[in-house]
Protein backbone atom coordinates (compact mmCIF):
# COMPACT_ATOMS: atom_id res chain seq x y z
CA MET A 1 8.94 -33.67 24.37
CA ALA A 2 8.28 -30.80 21.94
CA LYS A 3 7.41 -27.36 23.19
CA THR A 4 4.07 -26.06 22.03
CA GLU A 5 4.89 -22.44 22.73
CA PRO A 6 8.01 -20.37 21.96
CA SER A 7 9.95 -19.04 24.89
CA PHE A 8 9.27 -15.56 26.22
CA LEU A 9 12.59 -14.34 24.84
CA ALA A 10 11.71 -15.51 21.32
CA LEU A 11 8.32 -13.82 21.53
CA THR A 12 9.92 -10.59 22.71
CA ILE A 13 12.50 -10.60 19.91
CA ASN A 14 9.83 -11.31 17.29
CA SER A 15 7.64 -8.54 18.68
CA PHE A 16 10.49 -6.01 18.46
CA GLU A 17 11.25 -7.08 14.89
CA ILE A 18 7.62 -6.54 13.90
CA LEU A 19 7.50 -3.17 15.65
CA ALA A 20 10.70 -2.10 13.89
CA LEU A 21 9.60 -3.20 10.41
CA THR A 22 6.00 -1.92 10.48
CA PRO A 23 6.82 1.81 10.06
CA LEU A 24 9.35 1.01 7.34
CA ALA A 25 6.78 -1.05 5.43
CA ALA A 26 4.19 1.73 5.82
CA VAL A 27 6.56 4.35 4.40
CA VAL A 28 7.48 2.14 1.45
CA LEU A 29 3.81 1.43 0.67
CA ILE A 30 2.75 5.08 0.94
CA PHE A 31 5.53 6.42 -1.29
CA GLY A 32 5.14 3.51 -3.70
CA LYS A 33 1.45 4.28 -4.06
CA ARG A 34 2.21 7.99 -4.60
CA TYR A 35 4.74 7.14 -7.31
CA ILE A 36 2.40 4.74 -9.11
CA TRP A 37 -0.60 7.09 -8.95
CA THR A 38 1.46 10.07 -10.13
CA PHE A 39 2.54 8.11 -13.19
CA THR A 40 -0.97 6.77 -13.83
CA LYS A 41 -2.66 10.16 -13.51
CA SER A 42 -0.16 11.77 -15.88
CA GLN A 43 -1.20 9.39 -18.66
CA LYS A 44 -4.03 11.49 -20.09
CA PHE A 45 -5.10 8.96 -22.71
CA ILE A 46 -6.34 6.63 -19.99
CA PHE A 47 -8.90 9.14 -18.77
CA LYS A 48 -10.14 10.53 -22.12
CA SER A 49 -13.87 10.21 -22.50
CA VAL A 50 -15.15 8.22 -25.45
CA LYS A 51 -17.34 10.09 -27.93
CA GLY A 52 -20.97 9.43 -27.07
CA ARG A 53 -20.18 8.55 -23.47
CA GLU A 54 -19.56 12.01 -22.04
CA PRO A 55 -21.26 12.83 -18.75
CA PRO A 56 -24.43 14.95 -19.07
CA LYS A 57 -23.80 18.69 -19.12
CA SER A 58 -25.53 20.69 -16.42
CA GLN A 59 -27.49 23.69 -17.71
């Protein structure tokens, strides 16, 4: 007969693995985002305004 639920030991081990990997994944995602955005923001040609489409100037 097949078990429908993993044993308590398996659940505990899986829980510890998730708890150990979550901070590591968060750090990788945060620094990866910083690296990508730093590169993207340094590319000035991406953010140049097109002639005729400048925002209105406040007087």
